[in-house]
Every structure is written in structure tokens, then in C-alpha cells.
PDB file of N, CA and C in Angstrom:
ATOM      1  N   MET A   1     112.794  81.990  65.480  1.00  0.00           N
ATOM      2  CA  MET A   1     113.827  81.083  65.706  1.00  0.00           C
ATOM      3  C   MET A   1     113.474  79.956  67.048  1.00  0.00           C
ATOM      4  N   THR A   2     113.908  78.751  66.612  1.00  0.00           N
ATOM      5  CA  THR A   2     113.808  77.579  67.588  1.00  0.00           C
ATOM      6  C   THR A   2     114.768  77.768  68.751  1.00  0.00           C
ATOM      7  N   GLY A   3     114.531  77.078  69.846  1.00  0.00           N
ATOM      8  CA  GLY A   3     115.777  76.984  70.857  1.00  0.00           C
ATOM      9  C   GLY A   3     116.964  76.308  70.233  1.00  0.00           C
ATOM     10  N   LYS A   4     116.824  75.317  69.205  1.00  0.00           N
ATOM     11  CA  LYS A   4     117.729  74.192  69.083  1.00  0.00           C
ATOM     12  C   LYS A   4     118.480  75.202  67.967  1.00  0.00           C
ATOM     13  N   LEU A   5     118.238  75.921  67.218  1.00  0.00           N
ATOM     14  CA  LEU A   5     119.074  77.185  66.780  1.00  0.00           C
ATOM     15  C   LEU A   5     120.009  78.231  67.412  1.00  0.00           C
ATOM     16  N   ARG A   6     119.774  78.476  68.432  1.00  0.00           N
ATOM     17  CA  ARG A   6     120.693  79.703  69.003  1.00  0.00           C
ATOM     18  C   ARG A   6     121.558  79.127  69.845  1.00  0.00           C
ATOM     19  N   GLN A   7     122.471  79.788  69.672  1.00  0.00           N
ATOM     20  CA  GLN A   7     124.214  79.657  70.316  1.00  0.00           C
ATOM     21  C   GLN A   7     124.150  80.105  71.893  1.00  0.00           C
ATOM     22  N   LEU A   8     125.043  79.128  72.558  1.00  0.00           N
ATOM     23  CA  LEU A   8     125.139  79.002  74.038  1.00  0.00           C
ATOM     24  C   LEU A   8     125.924  80.316  74.707  1.00  0.00           C
ATOM     25  N   THR A   9     125.560  81.520  74.386  1.00  0.00           N
ATOM     26  CA  THR A   9     126.207  82.772  74.422  1.00  0.00           C
ATOM     27  C   THR A   9     125.860  82.993  76.149  1.00  0.00           C
ATOM     28  N   ARG A  10     126.781  83.949  76.358  1.00  0.00           N
ATOM     29  CA  ARG A  10     126.535  84.542  77.814  1.00  0.00           C
ATOM     30  C   ARG A  10     125.121  85.025  78.063  1.00  0.00           C
ATOM     31  N   LEU A  11     124.552  85.980  76.828  1.00  0.00           N
ATOM     32  CA  LEU A  11     123.760  86.377  77.297  1.00  0.00           C
ATOM     33  C   LEU A  11     122.127  85.289  77.001  1.00  0.00           C
ATOM     34  N   GLU A  12     122.712  84.505  76.156  1.00  0.00           N
ATOM     35  CA  GLU A  12     121.598  83.541  76.296  1.00  0.00           C
ATOM     36  C   GLU A  12     121.293  82.760  77.657  1.00  0.00           C
ATOM     37  N   LEU A  13     122.596  82.809  78.074  1.00  0.00           N
ATOM     38  CA  LEU A  13     122.429  82.063  79.627  1.00  0.00           C
ATOM     39  C   LEU A  13     121.695  82.919  80.514  1.00  0.00           C
ATOM     40  N   ALA A  14     122.068  83.942  80.401  1.00  0.00           N
ATOM     41  CA  ALA A  14     121.610  84.788  81.273  1.00  0.00           C
ATOM     42  C   ALA A  14     120.048  85.385  81.204  1.00  0.00           C
ATOM     43  N   GLN A  15     119.729  85.264  80.043  1.00  0.00           N
ATOM     44  CA  GLN A  15     118.408  85.187  79.529  1.00  0.00           C
ATOM     45  C   GLN A  15     117.213  83.979  80.188  1.00  0.00           C
ATOM     46  N   ARG A  16     118.243  82.593  79.869  1.00  0.00           N
ATOM     47  CA  ARG A  16     117.416  81.603  80.426  1.00  0.00           C
ATOM     48  C   ARG A  16     117.493  81.479  82.320  1.00  0.00           C
ATOM     49  N   ARG A  17     118.516  82.104  82.608  1.00  0.00           N
ATOM     50  CA  ARG A  17     118.481  82.277  84.541  1.00  0.00           C
ATOM     51  C   ARG A  17     117.241  83.096  84.730  1.00  0.00           C
ATOM     52  N   VAL A  18     117.417  84.118  84.118  1.00  0.00           N
ATOM     53  CA  VAL A  18     116.246  85.373  84.226  1.00  0.00           C
ATOM     54  C   VAL A  18     114.820  84.772  84.418  1.00  0.00           C
ATOM     55  N   GLY A  19     114.624  83.922  82.826  1.00  0.00           N
ATOM     56  CA  GLY A  19     113.583  83.340  82.519  1.00  0.00           C
ATOM     57  C   GLY A  19     112.921  82.213  83.804  1.00  0.00           C
ATOM     58  N   GLY A  20     113.981  81.638  84.159  1.00  0.00           N
ATOM     59  CA  GLY A  20     113.620  80.536  85.081  1.00  0.00           C
ATOM     60  C   GLY A  20     113.371  81.489  86.453  1.00  0.00           C
ATOM     61  N   ALA A  21     114.088  82.244  86.603  1.00  0.00           N
ATOM     62  CA  ALA A  21     113.948  82.800  87.980  1.00  0.00           C
ATOM     63  C   ALA A  21     112.434  83.476  88.136  1.00  0.00           C
ATOM     64  N   VAL A  22     111.954  84.093  87.165  1.00  0.00           N
ATOM     65  CA  VAL A  22     110.702  84.479  86.654  1.00  0.00           C
ATOM     66  C   VAL A  22     109.313  83.597  86.807  1.00  0.00           C
ATOM     67  N   LEU A  23     109.880  82.381  86.251  1.00  0.00           N
ATOM     68  CA  LEU A  23     109.164  81.282  86.178  1.00  0.00           C
ATOM     69  C   LEU A  23     108.537  80.522  87.381  1.00  0.00           C
ATOM     70  N   THR A  24     109.994  80.573  88.280  1.00  0.00           N
ATOM     71  CA  THR A  24     109.581  80.035  89.762  1.00  0.00           C
ATOM     72  C   THR A  24     108.601  80.967  90.362  1.00  0.00           C
ATOM     73  N   GLN A  25     109.128  82.223  90.144  1.00  0.00           N
ATOM     74  CA  GLN A  25     108.033  83.111  91.019  1.00  0.00           C
ATOM     75  C   GLN A  25     106.338  82.862  90.505  1.00  0.00           C
ATOM     76  N   VAL A  26     106.443  82.803  89.193  1.00  0.00           N
ATOM     77  CA  VAL A  26     105.018  83.070  88.808  1.00  0.00           C
ATOM     78  C   VAL A  26     104.445  81.369  89.203  1.00  0.00           C
ATOM     79  N   ARG A  27     105.027  80.283  89.220  1.00  0.00           N
ATOM     80  CA  ARG A  27     104.504  79.094  89.612  1.00  0.00           C
ATOM     81  C   ARG A  27     104.295  79.041  91.138  1.00  0.00           C
ATOM     82  N   ARG A  28     104.867  79.794  91.976  1.00  0.00           N
ATOM     83  CA  ARG A  28     104.911  79.977  92.916  1.00  0.00           C
ATOM     84  C   ARG A  28     103.153  79.891  93.802  1.00  0.00           C
ATOM     85  N   ASN A  29     102.562  79.673  94.724  1.00  0.00           N
ATOM     86  CA  ASN A  29     101.402  79.522  95.410  1.00  0.00           C
ATOM     87  C   ASN A  29     101.030  80.916  95.680  1.00  0.00           C
ATOM     88  N   TRP A  30      99.701  81.417  95.768  1.00  0.00           N
ATOM     89  CA  TRP A  30      99.468  82.647  95.701  1.00  0.00           C
ATOM     90  C   TRP A  30      99.806  83.186  97.040  1.00  0.00           C
ATOM     91  N   ARG A  31      99.936  82.127  97.874  1.00  0.00           N
ATOM     92  CA  ARG A  31     100.240  82.552  99.524  1.00  0.00           C
ATOM     93  C   ARG A  31     101.769  82.921  99.301  1.00  0.00           C
ATOM     94  N   GLY A  32     102.614  82.415  99.082  1.00  0.00           N
ATOM     95  CA  GLY A  32     103.961  82.644  98.787  1.00  0.00           C
ATOM     96  C   GLY A  32     104.385  83.951  97.791  1.00  0.00           C
ATOM     97  N   GLY A  33     103.541  84.046  97.167  1.00  0.00           N
ATOM     98  CA  GLY A  33     103.815  85.474  96.070  1.00  0.00           C
ATOM     99  C   GLY A  33     103.399  86.667  97.065  1.00  0.00           C
ATOM    100  N   SER A  34     102.222  86.223  97.664  1.00  0.00           N
ATOM    101  CA  SER A  34     101.398  87.431  98.248  1.00  0.00           C
ATOM    102  C   SER A  34     102.403  88.144  99.291  1.00  0.00           C
ATOM    103  N   LEU A  35     102.955  87.213 100.103  1.00  0.00           N
ATOM    104  CA  LEU A  35     103.960  87.012 101.518  1.00  0.00           C
ATOM    105  C   LEU A  35     105.169  87.883 100.913  1.00  0.00           C
ATOM    106  N   ALA A  36     105.657  87.100  99.724  1.00  0.00           N
ATOM    107  CA  ALA A  36     106.855  87.993  99.057  1.00  0.00           C
ATOM    108  C   ALA A  36     106.769  89.356  98.967  1.00  0.00           C
ATOM    109  N   LEU A  37     105.755  89.808  98.240  1.00  0.00           N
ATOM    110  CA  LEU A  37     105.423  91.079  97.652  1.00  0.00           C
ATOM    111  C   LEU A  37     105.491  92.002  98.994  1.00  0.00           C
ATOM    112  N   LEU A  38     104.433  91.422 100.015  1.00  0.00           N
ATOM    113  CA  LEU A  38     103.988  92.239 101.041  1.00  0.00           C
ATOM    114  C   LEU A  38     105.160  92.700 101.815  1.00  0.00           C
ATOM    115  N   GLY A  39     106.315  91.359 102.114  1.00  0.00           N
ATOM    116  CA  GLY A  39     107.459  91.582 102.404  1.00  0.00           C
ATOM    117  C   GLY A  39     108.443  92.969 101.859  1.00  0.00           C
ATOM    118  N   LEU A  40     108.502  92.793 100.257  1.00  0.00           N
ATOM    119  CA  LEU A  40     109.052  94.047  99.709  1.00  0.00           C
ATOM    120  C   LEU A  40     108.460  95.360 100.294  1.00  0.00           C
ATOM    121  N   LEU A  41     106.995  95.326 100.183  1.00  0.00           N
ATOM    122  CA  LEU A  41     106.268  96.481 100.322  1.00  0.00           C
ATOM    123  C   LEU A  41     106.589  97.140 101.641  1.00  0.00           C
ATOM    124  N   VAL A  42     106.647  95.974 102.688  1.00  0.00           N
ATOM    125  CA  VAL A  42     106.648  96.438 104.411  1.00  0.00           C
ATOM    126  C   VAL A  42     108.235  97.113 104.420  1.00  0.00           C
ATOM    127  N   GLY A  43     109.390  96.401 103.849  1.00  0.00           N
ATOM    128  CA  GLY A  43     110.649  96.686 103.687  1.00  0.00           C
ATOM    129  C   GLY A  43     110.760  98.410 103.564  1.00  0.00           C
ATOM    130  N   TYR A  44     110.071  98.655 102.139  1.00  0.00           N
ATOM    131  CA  TYR A  44     110.274 100.018 101.614  1.00  0.00           C
ATOM    132  C   TYR A  44     109.533 100.764 102.868  1.00  0.00           C
ATOM    133  N   PHE A  45     108.248 100.389 103.521  1.00  0.00           N
ATOM    134  CA  PHE A  45     107.686 101.333 104.040  1.00  0.00           C
ATOM    135  C   PHE A  45     108.369 101.468 105.552  1.00  0.00           C
ATOM    136  N   VAL A  46     108.706 100.553 106.011  1.00  0.00           N
ATOM    137  CA  VAL A  46     109.518 100.461 107.146  1.00  0.00           C
ATOM    138  C   VAL A  46     110.557 101.549 107.486  1.00  0.00           C
ATOM    139  N   SER A  47     111.566 101.074 106.539  1.00  0.00           N
ATOM    140  CA  SER A  47     113.003 101.715 106.372  1.00  0.00           C
ATOM    141  C   SER A  47     112.424 103.260 105.584  1.00  0.00           C
ATOM    142  N   GLN A  48     111.752 103.379 105.017  1.00  0.00           N
ATOM    143  CA  GLN A  48     111.476 105.156 104.852  1.00  0.00           C
ATOM    144  C   GLN A  48     110.979 105.619 106.101  1.00  0.00           C
ATOM    145  N   ASN A  49     110.224 105.563 106.534  1.00  0.00           N
ATOM    146  CA  ASN A  49     109.454 106.094 108.360  1.00  0.00           C
ATOM    147  C   ASN A  49     110.856 106.103 108.853  1.00  0.00           C
ATOM    148  N   LEU A  50     111.442 104.611 109.322  1.00  0.00           N
ATOM    149  CA  LEU A  50     112.525 104.719 110.238  1.00  0.00           C
ATOM    150  C   LEU A  50     113.421 105.391 110.221  1.00  0.00           C
ATOM    151  N   MET A  51     113.922 105.617 108.592  1.00  0.00           N
ATOM    152  CA  MET A  51     115.274 106.732 108.626  1.00  0.00           C
ATOM    153  C   MET A  51     114.674 108.354 108.649  1.00  0.00           C
ATOM    154  N   SER A  52     113.527 108.802 108.397  1.00  0.00           N
ATOM    155  CA  SER A  52     113.399 109.809 108.587  1.00  0.00           C
ATOM    156  C   SER A  52     113.105 110.026 110.136  1.00  0.00           C
ATOM    157  N   VAL A  53     112.915 109.409 111.057  1.00  0.00           N
ATOM    158  CA  VAL A  53     112.787 109.574 112.151  1.00  0.00           C
ATOM    159  C   VAL A  53     114.530 109.689 112.857  1.00  0.00           C
ATOM    160  N   LEU A  54     114.962 108.527 112.606  1.00  0.00           N
ATOM    161  CA  LEU A  54     116.359 108.271 113.127  1.00  0.00           C
ATOM    162  C   LEU A  54     117.158 109.215 112.524  1.00  0.00           C
ATOM    163  N   ILE A  55     116.985 109.980 111.459  1.00  0.00           N
ATOM    164  CA  ILE A  55     118.062 110.777 110.991  1.00  0.00           C
ATOM    165  C   ILE A  55     118.048 111.972 111.676  1.00  0.00           C
ATOM    166  N   MET A  56     116.966 112.134 112.390  1.00  0.00           N
ATOM    167  CA  MET A  56     116.606 113.236 113.030  1.00  0.00           C
ATOM    168  C   MET A  56     117.095 113.252 114.657  1.00  0.00           C
ATOM    169  N   ARG A  57     117.129 111.767 115.310  1.00  0.00           N
ATOM    170  CA  ARG A  57     117.033 111.845 116.546  1.00  0.00           C
ATOM    171  C   ARG A  57     118.401 110.884 117.069  1.00  0.00           C
ATOM    172  N   VAL A  58     119.025 110.646 116.095  1.00  0.00           N
ATOM    173  CA  VAL A  58     120.269 109.729 116.620  1.00  0.00           C
ATOM    174  C   VAL A  58     121.650 110.808 116.443  1.00  0.00           C
ATOM    175  N   PRO A  59     122.639 110.796 117.487  1.00  0.00           N
ATOM    176  CA  PRO A  59     123.326 111.582 117.336  1.00  0.00           C
ATOM    177  C   PRO A  59     124.489 111.496 116.070  1.00  0.00           C
ATOM    178  N   GLY A  60     124.704 112.297 115.392  1.00  0.00           N
ATOM    179  CA  GLY A  60     125.427 112.226 114.319  1.00  0.00           C
ATOM    180  C   GLY A  60     125.061 112.266 112.876  1.00  0.00           C
ATOM    181  N   GLY A  61     123.436 111.933 112.986  1.00  0.00           N
ATOM    182  CA  GLY A  61     122.806 112.035 111.984  1.00  0.00           C
ATOM    183  C   GLY A  61     122.961 110.948 110.941  1.00  0.00           C
ATOM    184  N   ARG A  62     122.582 111.331 109.451  1.00  0.00           N
ATOM    185  CA  ARG A  62     122.796 110.623 108.434  1.00  0.00           C
ATOM    186  C   ARG A  62     123.836 109.650 108.165  1.00  0.00           C
ATOM    187  N   PRO A  63     125.110 109.753 108.682  1.00  0.00           N
ATOM    188  CA  PRO A  63     126.125 108.895 108.388  1.00  0.00           C
ATOM    189  C   PRO A  63     125.939 107.897 109.274  1.00  0.00           C
ATOM    190  N   VAL A  64     125.430 108.175 110.560  1.00  0.00           N
ATOM    191  CA  VAL A  64     125.566 107.052 111.439  1.00  0.00           C
ATOM    192  C   VAL A  64     124.130 105.913 110.932  1.00  0.00           C
ATOM    193  N   VAL A  65     123.160 106.785 110.907  1.00  0.00           N
ATOM    194  CA  VAL A  65     121.891 105.813 110.183  1.00  0.00           C
ATOM    195  C   VAL A  65     122.191 105.135 108.991  1.00  0.00           C
ATOM    196  N   VAL A  66     122.891 105.562 107.992  1.00  0.00           N
ATOM    197  CA  VAL A  66     123.497 104.794 107.095  1.00  0.00           C
ATOM    198  C   VAL A  66     124.445 103.904 107.046  1.00  0.00           C
ATOM    199  N   LEU A  67     125.214 103.855 107.883  1.00  0.00           N
ATOM    200  CA  LEU A  67     126.171 102.930 108.153  1.00  0.00           C
ATOM    201  C   LEU A  67     125.675 101.988 109.211  1.00  0.00           C
ATOM    202  N   ALA A  68     124.984 101.672 110.003  1.00  0.00           N
ATOM    203  CA  ALA A  68     124.264 100.861 110.770  1.00  0.00           C
ATOM    204  C   ALA A  68     123.040 100.011 109.479  1.00  0.00           C
ATOM    205  N   LEU A  69     122.231 100.934 109.120  1.00  0.00           N
ATOM    206  CA  LEU A  69     121.926 100.139 108.050  1.00  0.00           C
ATOM    207  C   LEU A  69     122.367  99.184 107.016  1.00  0.00           C
ATOM    208  N   VAL A  70     123.815  99.763 106.568  1.00  0.00           N
ATOM    209  CA  VAL A  70     124.622  98.846 105.761  1.00  0.00           C
ATOM    210  C   VAL A  70     124.873  97.591 106.098  1.00  0.00           C
ATOM    211  N   LEU A  71     125.670  97.854 107.621  1.00  0.00           N
ATOM    212  CA  LEU A  71     125.803  96.827 108.122  1.00  0.00           C
ATOM    213  C   LEU A  71     124.707  95.910 108.422  1.00  0.00           C
ATOM    214  N   ILE A  72     123.473  96.044 109.126  1.00  0.00           N
ATOM    215  CA  ILE A  72     122.420  95.306 109.080  1.00  0.00           C
ATOM    216  C   ILE A  72     122.586  94.715 107.504  1.00  0.00           C
ATOM    217  N   VAL A  73     122.325  95.044 106.528  1.00  0.00           N
ATOM    218  CA  VAL A  73     122.192  94.567 105.181  1.00  0.00           C
ATOM    219  C   VAL A  73     123.382  93.603 104.969  1.00  0.00           C
ATOM    220  N   GLU A  74     124.423  93.842 105.419  1.00  0.00           N
ATOM    221  CA  GLU A  74     125.618  92.961 105.083  1.00  0.00           C
ATOM    222  C   GLU A  74     125.290  91.767 106.027  1.00  0.00           C
ATOM    223  N   ALA A  75     125.137  91.921 107.345  1.00  0.00           N
ATOM    224  CA  ALA A  75     124.637  90.662 108.344  1.00  0.00           C
ATOM    225  C   ALA A  75     124.052  89.777 107.550  1.00  0.00           C
ATOM    226  N   ILE A  76     122.693  90.125 107.050  1.00  0.00           N
ATOM    227  CA  ILE A  76     121.397  89.557 106.297  1.00  0.00           C
ATOM    228  C   ILE A  76     122.099  88.987 105.086  1.00  0.00           C
ATOM    229  N   VAL A  77     122.883  89.394 104.448  1.00  0.00           N
ATOM    230  CA  VAL A  77     123.239  88.867 103.027  1.00  0.00           C
ATOM    231  C   VAL A  77     124.259  87.556 103.774  1.00  0.00           C
ATOM    232  N   ARG A  78     125.414  88.075 104.639  1.00  0.00           N
ATOM    233  CA  ARG A  78     126.236  86.972 104.554  1.00  0.00           C
ATOM    234  C   ARG A  78     125.880  85.837 105.119  1.00  0.00           C
ATOM    235  N   LEU A  79     124.499  86.046 106.392  1.00  0.00           N
ATOM    236  CA  LEU A  79     124.078  84.997 106.874  1.00  0.00           C
ATOM    237  C   LEU A  79     123.115  83.841 105.852  1.00  0.00           C
ATOM    238  N   ARG A  80     122.452  84.521 104.961  1.00  0.00           N
ATOM    239  CA  ARG A  80     121.958  83.915 104.259  1.00  0.00           C
ATOM    240  C   ARG A  80     123.143  83.148 103.227  1.00  0.00           C
ATOM    241  N   SER A  81     123.783  83.826 102.709  1.00  0.00           N
ATOM    242  CA  SER A  81     124.880  82.727 102.060  1.00  0.00           C
ATOM    243  C   SER A  81     125.325  82.108 102.490  1.00  0.00           C
ATOM    244  N   GLN A  82     125.563  81.996 103.922  1.00  0.00           N
ATOM    245  CA  GLN A  82     126.100  80.680 104.704  1.00  0.00           C
ATOM    246  C   GLN A  82     125.021  79.691 105.125  1.00  0.00           C
ATOM    247  N   MET A  83     123.605  80.189 105.127  1.00  0.00           N
ATOM    248  CA  MET A  83     122.823  79.178 105.727  1.00  0.00           C
ATOM    249  C   MET A  83     122.203  78.379 104.454  1.00  0.00           C
ATOM    250  N   VAL A  84     121.754  79.014 103.541  1.00  0.00           N
ATOM    251  CA  VAL A  84     121.198  78.536 102.304  1.00  0.00           C
ATOM    252  C   VAL A  84     121.934  78.381 101.300  1.00  0.00           C
ATOM    253  N   ARG A  85     121.857  77.030 100.318  1.00  0.00           N
ATOM    254  CA  ARG A  85     122.647  76.727  99.754  1.00  0.00           C
ATOM    255  C   ARG A  85     121.732  76.301  98.320  1.00  0.00           C
ATOM    256  N   ASN A  86     120.382  75.770  98.607  1.00  0.00           N
ATOM    257  CA  ASN A  86     119.648  75.548  97.317  1.00  0.00           C
ATOM    258  C   ASN A  86     118.517  76.454  97.408  1.00  0.00           C
ATOM    259  N   GLU A  87     117.436  76.043  96.708  1.00  0.00           N
ATOM    260  CA  GLU A  87     116.351  76.919  97.051  1.00  0.00           C
ATOM    261  C   GLU A  87     116.173  77.269  98.405  1.00  0.00           C
ATOM    262  N   PRO A  88     115.532  78.724  98.506  1.00  0.00           N
ATOM    263  CA  PRO A  88     115.511  79.470  99.881  1.00  0.00           C
ATOM    264  C   PRO A  88     113.745  79.241 100.120  1.00  0.00           C
ATOM    265  N   SER A  89     113.823  79.030 101.658  1.00  0.00           N
ATOM    266  CA  SER A  89     112.533  78.735 101.939  1.00  0.00           C
ATOM    267  C   SER A  89     111.609  79.939 101.931  1.00  0.00           C
ATOM    268  N   LEU A  90     110.595  80.035 102.249  1.00  0.00           N
ATOM    269  CA  LEU A  90     109.774  81.665 102.182  1.00  0.00           C
ATOM    270  C   LEU A  90     110.144  82.281 103.462  1.00  0.00           C
ATOM    271  N   ALA A  91     110.561  81.813 104.304  1.00  0.00           N
ATOM    272  CA  ALA A  91     111.243  82.906 105.254  1.00  0.00           C
ATOM    273  C   ALA A  91     112.221  83.688 105.095  1.00  0.00           C
ATOM    274  N   TRP A  92     113.288  83.079 103.819  1.00  0.00           N
ATOM    275  CA  TRP A  92     114.355  84.044 103.615  1.00  0.00           C
ATOM    276  C   TRP A  92     113.762  84.581 102.418  1.00  0.00           C
ATOM    277  N   VAL A  93     112.790  84.023 101.642  1.00  0.00           N
ATOM    278  CA  VAL A  93     112.671  85.147 100.578  1.00  0.00           C
ATOM    279  C   VAL A  93     111.836  86.365 100.847  1.00  0.00           C
ATOM    280  N   ILE A  94     111.180  85.998 101.948  1.00  0.00           N
ATOM    281  CA  ILE A  94     110.635  87.238 103.025  1.00  0.00           C
ATOM    282  C   ILE A  94     111.850  88.171 102.814  1.00  0.00           C
ATOM    283  N   ALA A  95     112.703  87.707 104.009  1.00  0.00           N
ATOM    284  CA  ALA A  95     113.873  88.583 104.636  1.00  0.00           C
ATOM    285  C   ALA A  95     114.851  89.300 103.568  1.00  0.00           C
ATOM    286  N   ASP A  96     114.877  88.465 102.455  1.00  0.00           N
ATOM    287  CA  ASP A  96     115.280  89.058 100.876  1.00  0.00           C
ATOM    288  C   ASP A  96     114.848  90.133 100.850  1.00  0.00           C
ATOM    289  N   ASN A  97     113.192  90.355 100.474  1.00  0.00           N
ATOM    290  CA  ASN A  97     112.373  91.429  99.942  1.00  0.00           C
ATOM    291  C   ASN A  97     112.369  92.416 100.809  1.00  0.00           C
ATOM    292  N   LEU A  98     112.563  91.916 102.139  1.00  0.00           N
ATOM    293  CA  LEU A  98     112.468  93.028 103.169  1.00  0.00           C
ATOM    294  C   LEU A  98     113.929  94.084 103.038  1.00  0.00           C
ATOM    295  N   ARG A  99     114.743  93.130 102.977  1.00  0.00           N
ATOM    296  CA  ARG A  99     116.379  93.805 102.976  1.00  0.00           C
ATOM    297  C   ARG A  99     115.931  94.675 101.188  1.00  0.00           C
ATOM    298  N   LEU A 100     115.537  94.605 100.042  1.00  0.00           N
ATOM    299  CA  LEU A 100     115.580  94.841  99.092  1.00  0.00           C
ATOM    300  C   LEU A 100     114.679  96.147  99.036  1.00  0.00           C
ATOM    301  N   GLY A 101     113.826  95.967  99.763  1.00  0.00           N
ATOM    302  CA  GLY A 101     112.780  96.929  99.946  1.00  0.00           C
ATOM    303  C   GLY A 101     113.417  98.467 100.532  1.00  0.00           C
ATOM    304  N   ALA A 102     114.233  98.001 101.819  1.00  0.00           N
ATOM    305  CA  ALA A 102     114.887  98.723 102.658  1.00  0.00           C
ATOM    306  C   ALA A 102     115.814  99.400 101.674  1.00  0.00           C
ATOM    307  N   ILE A 103     116.554  98.815 100.887  1.00  0.00           N
ATOM    308  CA  ILE A 103     117.870  99.332 100.108  1.00  0.00           C
ATOM    309  C   ILE A 103     117.123 100.316  98.920  1.00  0.00           C
ATOM    310  N   TYR A 104     115.666  99.869  98.409  1.00  0.00           N
ATOM    311  CA  TYR A 104     115.360 100.701  97.618  1.00  0.00           C
ATOM    312  C   TYR A 104     115.077 102.118  97.909  1.00  0.00           C
ATOM    313  N   ALA A 105     114.223 102.349  99.348  1.00  0.00           N
ATOM    314  CA  ALA A 105     113.744 103.041 100.014  1.00  0.00           C
ATOM    315  C   ALA A 105     115.301 103.788 100.078  1.00  0.00           C
ATOM    316  N   VAL A 106     116.178 103.440 100.764  1.00  0.00           N
ATOM    317  CA  VAL A 106     117.193 104.675 100.647  1.00  0.00           C
ATOM    318  C   VAL A 106     117.935 105.136  99.321  1.00  0.00           C
ATOM    319  N   VAL A 107     117.815 104.362  98.657  1.00  0.00           N
ATOM    320  CA  VAL A 107     118.488 104.825  97.284  1.00  0.00           C
ATOM    321  C   VAL A 107     117.526 106.072  96.787  1.00  0.00           C
ATOM    322  N   LEU A 108     116.097 105.530  97.112  1.00  0.00           N
ATOM    323  CA  LEU A 108     115.137 106.394  96.392  1.00  0.00           C
ATOM    324  C   LEU A 108     115.374 108.210  97.015  1.00  0.00           C
ATOM    325  N   GLU A 109     115.586 107.860  98.514  1.00  0.00           N
ATOM    326  CA  GLU A 109     115.636 108.845  99.382  1.00  0.00           C
ATOM    327  C   GLU A 109     116.840 109.900  99.120  1.00  0.00           C
ATOM    328  N   ALA A 110     118.155 109.109  98.275  1.00  0.00           N
ATOM    329  CA  ALA A 110     119.360 109.667  97.989  1.00  0.00           C
ATOM    330  C   ALA A 110     118.887 110.440  96.954  1.00  0.00           C
ATOM    331  N   PHE A 111     118.310 110.063  96.041  1.00  0.00           N
ATOM    332  CA  PHE A 111     118.070 110.878  94.908  1.00  0.00           C
ATOM    333  C   PHE A 111     116.700 112.049  94.802  1.00  0.00           C
ATOM    334  N   LYS A 112     116.123 111.603  95.913  1.00  0.00           N
ATOM    335  CA  LYS A 112     114.897 112.962  96.246  1.00  0.00           C
ATOM    336  C   LYS A 112     115.947 113.978  96.833  1.00  0.00           C
ATOM    337  N   LEU A 113     116.923 113.768  97.441  1.00  0.00           N
ATOM    338  CA  LEU A 113     117.867 114.893  98.034  1.00  0.00           C
ATOM    339  C   LEU A 113     118.849 115.310  97.261  1.00  0.00           C
ATOM    340  N   GLY A 114     119.675 114.525  96.356  1.00  0.00           N
ATOM    341  CA  GLY A 114     120.545 115.134  95.384  1.00  0.00           C
ATOM    342  C   GLY A 114     121.702 114.593  95.924  1.00  0.00           C
ATOM    343  N   THR A 115     122.007 113.429  96.785  1.00  0.00           N
ATOM    344  CA  THR A 115     122.839 113.172  97.134  1.00  0.00           C
ATOM    345  C   THR A 115     123.675 111.981  96.658  1.00  0.00           C
TER     346      THR A 115
END
């Protein structure tokens, strides 16, 4: 089926947005792509190790550490939404990937613990 015969449904528009986002990542130069991937992996690694150390050392344990992480992530999201209107720079892409890696580590840890 050609693109001319397709109706512009919400699903079609969502597919086009996702496809466009994937294409911009593929078209990015190797430096930007590798730095974005490294940001994701470093965010996961640092968050997983930092959470395991902080849970044991911070008074109050897990709730205090998770609250601090949520506040930091919320501050990054609000700062980015205020400062970046169009195409984000490489630094913001890396910051977003660090944030996503950290969130993934916390969610994965929660699934492992069953909480």
C-alpha cells in the first residue's frame, strides 16, 4: 500500500513521529550516536551503583534516596522543557539519556526486589 492511500489516523501520525525520531537518530553522525548511547549506559551504571551505596548509608534508607532521585529527574525535565524548544543539542541528548538510564536502573531494581 502506498502512502497516498493511507488515512491520517492517530496511529498513522504516531508511526510517522516515531519513524522520524528513529531516522534522526540513524542519520546522526557516529560521534553523536555513540555519545548518546554512552550517556544511556553511564546513567544506568552510575545510578545502579550509587543507589546500592546510598540506600545503605543514608539515614531513612530507600524512601529518602528514591525521593531525591525523583526530585533530580523532575528538575532536569523541567529545566530542559524551559530551555530547549526545537532540536536539542548533543549535551541535552546526553543529559536525557543519563536520566533515562538512571530511571531504567531504578525500575529494574524495583522489579528485582519485587516492590
